[in-house]
């Protein structure tokens, strides 16, 4: 289901429109009968971090902090 509201209506009822979007309602903000924006709920952005969830999936070379060669900084010698 889609709900179209004008900018003026959205300005006065933003809290209610956010609740509708959170419930899965498609909220479209229109101006002069033309769609201008869609209000959608953010899914999965906030959540508890799980310590160790990437354990064993990321590898770091033993020399990751070794100095870089001079040609990295100054270019190849000619």
N, C-alpha and C. Protein backbone atom coordinates (compact mmCIF):
# COMPACT_ATOMS: atom_id res chain seq x y z
N UNK A 1 0.85 -1.18 0.00
CA UNK A 1 0.00 0.00 0.00
C UNK A 1 0.90 1.24 0.00
N UNK A 2 0.49 2.23 -0.73
CA UNK A 2 1.27 3.45 -0.83
C UNK A 2 0.45 4.63 -0.32
N UNK A 3 1.12 5.51 0.40
CA UNK A 3 0.45 6.70 0.93
C UNK A 3 1.16 7.91 0.36
N UNK A 4 0.42 8.73 -0.38
CA UNK A 4 0.96 9.97 -0.92
C UNK A 4 0.54 11.13 -0.03
N UNK A 5 1.51 11.96 0.34
CA UNK A 5 1.21 13.14 1.16
C UNK A 5 1.93 14.33 0.55
N UNK A 6 1.35 15.50 0.75
CA UNK A 6 1.99 16.72 0.28
C UNK A 6 3.11 17.10 1.24
N UNK A 7 3.94 18.02 0.80
CA UNK A 7 5.03 18.49 1.66
C UNK A 7 4.47 19.12 2.93
N UNK A 8 3.40 19.87 2.80
CA UNK A 8 2.79 20.51 3.97
C UNK A 8 2.26 19.47 4.95
N UNK A 9 1.61 18.42 4.44
CA UNK A 9 1.11 17.35 5.31
C UNK A 9 2.27 16.63 5.99
N UNK A 10 3.31 16.36 5.24
CA UNK A 10 4.47 15.67 5.80
C UNK A 10 5.12 16.50 6.89
N UNK A 11 5.17 17.81 6.69
CA UNK A 11 5.77 18.70 7.67
C UNK A 11 5.01 18.65 9.00
N UNK A 12 3.69 18.54 8.91
CA UNK A 12 2.89 18.55 10.12
C UNK A 12 2.72 17.19 10.78
N UNK A 13 3.01 16.11 10.06
CA UNK A 13 2.75 14.76 10.59
C UNK A 13 3.95 13.84 10.41
N UNK A 14 5.14 14.37 10.50
CA UNK A 14 6.33 13.59 10.22
C UNK A 14 6.45 12.37 11.14
N UNK A 15 6.18 12.55 12.40
CA UNK A 15 6.27 11.43 13.34
C UNK A 15 5.35 10.28 12.96
N UNK A 16 4.13 10.59 12.57
CA UNK A 16 3.18 9.56 12.15
C UNK A 16 3.64 8.88 10.87
N UNK A 17 4.20 9.65 9.95
CA UNK A 17 4.66 9.09 8.69
C UNK A 17 5.86 8.17 8.90
N UNK A 18 6.72 8.52 9.83
CA UNK A 18 7.86 7.66 10.15
C UNK A 18 7.36 6.33 10.70
N UNK A 19 6.36 6.37 11.57
CA UNK A 19 5.80 5.13 12.10
C UNK A 19 5.21 4.27 10.99
N UNK A 20 4.53 4.90 10.03
CA UNK A 20 3.99 4.15 8.90
C UNK A 20 5.11 3.50 8.08
N UNK A 21 6.19 4.24 7.85
CA UNK A 21 7.32 3.69 7.10
C UNK A 21 7.95 2.51 7.85
N UNK A 22 8.04 2.62 9.17
CA UNK A 22 8.59 1.53 9.97
C UNK A 22 7.74 0.28 9.88
N UNK A 23 6.44 0.46 9.66
CA UNK A 23 5.52 -0.66 9.55
C UNK A 23 5.48 -1.23 8.13
N UNK A 24 6.28 -0.66 7.23
CA UNK A 24 6.36 -1.17 5.87
C UNK A 24 5.54 -0.40 4.86
N UNK A 25 4.86 0.64 5.30
CA UNK A 25 4.06 1.46 4.39
C UNK A 25 4.97 2.26 3.47
N UNK A 26 4.59 2.37 2.22
CA UNK A 26 5.33 3.17 1.25
C UNK A 26 4.80 4.60 1.33
N UNK A 27 5.61 5.52 1.83
CA UNK A 27 5.19 6.92 2.01
C UNK A 27 5.91 7.76 0.96
N UNK A 28 5.13 8.38 0.09
CA UNK A 28 5.67 9.20 -0.98
C UNK A 28 5.26 10.65 -0.74
N UNK A 29 6.23 11.55 -0.75
CA UNK A 29 5.95 12.97 -0.56
C UNK A 29 5.87 13.61 -1.95
N UNK A 30 4.76 14.30 -2.18
CA UNK A 30 4.50 14.87 -3.50
C UNK A 30 4.40 16.38 -3.43
N UNK A 31 4.69 17.02 -4.55
CA UNK A 31 4.51 18.46 -4.68
C UNK A 31 3.93 18.69 -6.07
N UNK A 32 2.80 19.39 -6.12
CA UNK A 32 2.09 19.62 -7.39
C UNK A 32 1.81 18.30 -8.10
N UNK A 33 1.37 17.31 -7.34
CA UNK A 33 1.02 15.97 -7.84
C UNK A 33 2.20 15.20 -8.42
N UNK A 34 3.42 15.68 -8.21
CA UNK A 34 4.61 15.00 -8.70
C UNK A 34 5.38 14.42 -7.51
N UNK A 35 5.73 13.14 -7.55
CA UNK A 35 6.51 12.56 -6.45
C UNK A 35 7.88 13.23 -6.34
N UNK A 36 8.24 13.62 -5.14
CA UNK A 36 9.52 14.29 -4.90
C UNK A 36 10.46 13.48 -4.02
N UNK A 37 9.88 12.70 -3.09
CA UNK A 37 10.72 11.92 -2.17
C UNK A 37 9.94 10.73 -1.64
N UNK A 38 10.69 9.73 -1.21
CA UNK A 38 10.08 8.55 -0.60
C UNK A 38 10.66 8.40 0.80
N UNK A 39 9.79 8.17 1.76
CA UNK A 39 10.21 7.98 3.14
C UNK A 39 10.26 6.48 3.41
N UNK A 40 11.44 6.00 3.77
CA UNK A 40 11.61 4.57 4.05
C UNK A 40 12.29 4.40 5.40
N UNK A 41 11.99 3.29 6.04
CA UNK A 41 12.61 2.98 7.32
C UNK A 41 14.00 2.42 7.09
N UNK A 42 14.90 2.69 8.00
CA UNK A 42 16.25 2.15 7.93
C UNK A 42 16.22 0.78 8.58
N UNK A 43 16.65 -0.20 7.84
CA UNK A 43 16.64 -1.58 8.34
C UNK A 43 18.06 -2.04 8.61
N UNK A 44 18.29 -2.61 9.76
CA UNK A 44 19.55 -3.24 10.06
C UNK A 44 20.73 -2.32 10.29
N UNK A 45 20.50 -1.02 10.35
CA UNK A 45 21.63 -0.11 10.54
C UNK A 45 22.12 -0.15 11.98
N UNK A 46 21.19 -0.20 12.90
CA UNK A 46 21.57 -0.22 14.30
C UNK A 46 21.42 -1.64 14.84
N UNK A 47 22.35 -2.04 15.60
CA UNK A 47 22.27 -3.37 16.19
C UNK A 47 23.45 -3.60 17.10
N UNK A 48 23.33 -4.64 17.87
CA UNK A 48 24.40 -4.96 18.80
C UNK A 48 25.61 -5.48 18.04
N UNK A 49 26.76 -5.02 18.42
CA UNK A 49 27.99 -5.53 17.83
C UNK A 49 28.33 -6.85 18.51
N UNK A 50 28.78 -7.79 17.73
CA UNK A 50 29.12 -9.10 18.28
C UNK A 50 30.63 -9.24 18.28
N UNK A 51 31.20 -9.32 19.47
CA UNK A 51 32.64 -9.43 19.61
C UNK A 51 33.10 -10.75 19.00
N UNK A 52 34.09 -10.69 18.14
CA UNK A 52 34.68 -11.89 17.56
C UNK A 52 33.92 -12.47 16.39
N UNK A 53 32.95 -11.76 15.85
CA UNK A 53 32.16 -12.34 14.76
C UNK A 53 32.97 -12.55 13.49
N UNK A 54 34.10 -11.87 13.34
CA UNK A 54 34.94 -12.05 12.16
C UNK A 54 36.23 -12.80 12.48
N UNK A 55 36.27 -13.44 13.64
CA UNK A 55 37.47 -14.16 14.04
C UNK A 55 37.78 -15.27 13.03
N UNK A 56 39.02 -15.29 12.57
CA UNK A 56 39.44 -16.30 11.60
C UNK A 56 39.10 -15.95 10.16
N UNK A 57 38.44 -14.83 9.92
CA UNK A 57 38.05 -14.45 8.57
C UNK A 57 38.92 -13.34 8.01
N UNK A 58 39.72 -12.71 8.85
CA UNK A 58 40.56 -11.60 8.42
C UNK A 58 42.01 -11.96 8.72
N UNK A 59 42.87 -11.76 7.73
CA UNK A 59 44.28 -12.06 7.92
C UNK A 59 45.10 -10.80 7.72
N UNK A 60 46.13 -10.63 8.53
CA UNK A 60 47.04 -9.49 8.43
C UNK A 60 48.44 -10.06 8.27
N UNK A 61 49.15 -9.59 7.26
CA UNK A 61 50.53 -10.06 7.06
C UNK A 61 51.39 -9.70 8.25
N UNK A 62 52.39 -10.53 8.50
CA UNK A 62 53.28 -10.30 9.64
C UNK A 62 54.06 -9.00 9.48
N UNK A 63 54.31 -8.57 8.24
CA UNK A 63 55.09 -7.35 8.02
C UNK A 63 54.21 -6.15 7.69
N UNK A 64 52.99 -6.12 8.16
CA UNK A 64 52.07 -5.03 7.80
C UNK A 64 52.59 -3.66 8.23
N UNK A 65 53.42 -3.63 9.24
CA UNK A 65 53.93 -2.34 9.72
C UNK A 65 55.39 -2.10 9.33
N UNK A 66 55.89 -2.89 8.40
CA UNK A 66 57.27 -2.71 7.95
C UNK A 66 57.38 -1.42 7.13
N UNK A 67 58.54 -0.78 7.14
CA UNK A 67 58.71 0.44 6.35
C UNK A 67 58.51 0.16 4.86
N UNK A 68 57.94 1.11 4.17
CA UNK A 68 57.76 0.99 2.73
C UNK A 68 59.05 1.30 2.01
N UNK A 69 59.27 0.69 0.85
CA UNK A 69 60.51 0.96 0.13
C UNK A 69 60.56 2.40 -0.38
N UNK A 70 61.78 2.89 -0.62
CA UNK A 70 61.96 4.28 -1.08
C UNK A 70 61.25 4.55 -2.39
N UNK A 71 61.20 3.55 -3.31
CA UNK A 71 60.55 3.81 -4.58
C UNK A 71 59.04 4.00 -4.43
N UNK A 72 58.49 3.57 -3.33
CA UNK A 72 57.06 3.88 -3.07
C UNK A 72 56.89 5.38 -2.87
N UNK A 73 57.81 5.97 -2.12
CA UNK A 73 57.70 7.39 -1.79
C UNK A 73 58.23 8.29 -2.89
N UNK A 74 59.34 7.89 -3.52
CA UNK A 74 60.02 8.77 -4.46
C UNK A 74 59.87 8.33 -5.91
N UNK A 75 59.20 7.23 -6.16
CA UNK A 75 59.06 6.73 -7.52
C UNK A 75 60.23 5.83 -7.87
N UNK A 76 60.11 5.08 -8.97
CA UNK A 76 61.20 4.19 -9.34
C UNK A 76 62.47 4.95 -9.70
N UNK A 77 63.61 4.40 -9.30
CA UNK A 77 64.86 5.07 -9.65
C UNK A 77 65.21 4.76 -11.10
N UNK A 78 65.70 5.77 -11.77
CA UNK A 78 66.04 5.61 -13.19
C UNK A 78 67.51 5.76 -13.44
